[in-house]
């Protein structure tokens, strides 16, 4: 059965500790800045639900998964490693292998501190394209962004450098955001942080030149599928080559609604551009 927002949900499987927080936070921010929604086991705390059932349910709701296998250190107290991350990675693989038609569309990114280190301790995943973040949050941003671009085929994702700039600005603003919310930064929950990121991205102007709400842009419209997104036309002016539209879910993060954009028309399909019809479009640089 189809799950609401399945194609936008990204399951993040990684260590949940202070040592890994910077990379975890960078990954969450990147997911949201690329127009997706970050999900993880920390989003719910229901003592009445078995933890592995909760994780299984959340994985089932996510088309995409980011799995970090870098935590191989032994616990100082028990002298044993933690196996939660490889277990959840296996659950994700299992859902893709044995699930229904929607689950079989799953895509995952596996990250580690070094690209080929996994061969020493989890060699059964050989053949997967492991990506290294080198314990660097900025490197993690680029890795996640580039993978989302490739896996989703969406052409509207901002580049890694711009996401990094936004992320660093957000981290500068985070203490103030926490104070205004009466939350200490060191007690942030996953839901707190995800909400702060989402709201900040919606409301921040980026110094008036990197705003997420793009007002104009050159577009190519086509009746064919598999373009960057779709929109419902509310007004059409063929002479001025402009339209006012309401973007679909995938595009809402990148354009104001409604807004006006220039576009070029394929003469063969000019009769298809009418009010209240849906068009597919690709955004080009100005």
Foldseek 3Di string as FASTA:
>chain_A
DAAVLQAQEEEEADDDDPLLVLQVLLLQLLSVLQQGHYDYLQPDDDPVDDSVVSLLVSLVSHQEYEAEPAFQAADPVPRHTDCRRVVSVVSLVVQLVPPDPSSVNHDYAYEYQDQPPCCVPPVVPPVDRYYHQNSPNLSSSQVSQVVCCVSSVAPPGDHSVLSVVVVVVLVVCVVVVCVVVVHDPVPDTPVNSSVSSNVCLVPDCSVVPSRLADQEFEKEWDQDDDANFKWAFADDDVVQQKTWTATDSSCPRRHPHTHIYHYDYDVVCVVQDDHRHMIGMHTDGD
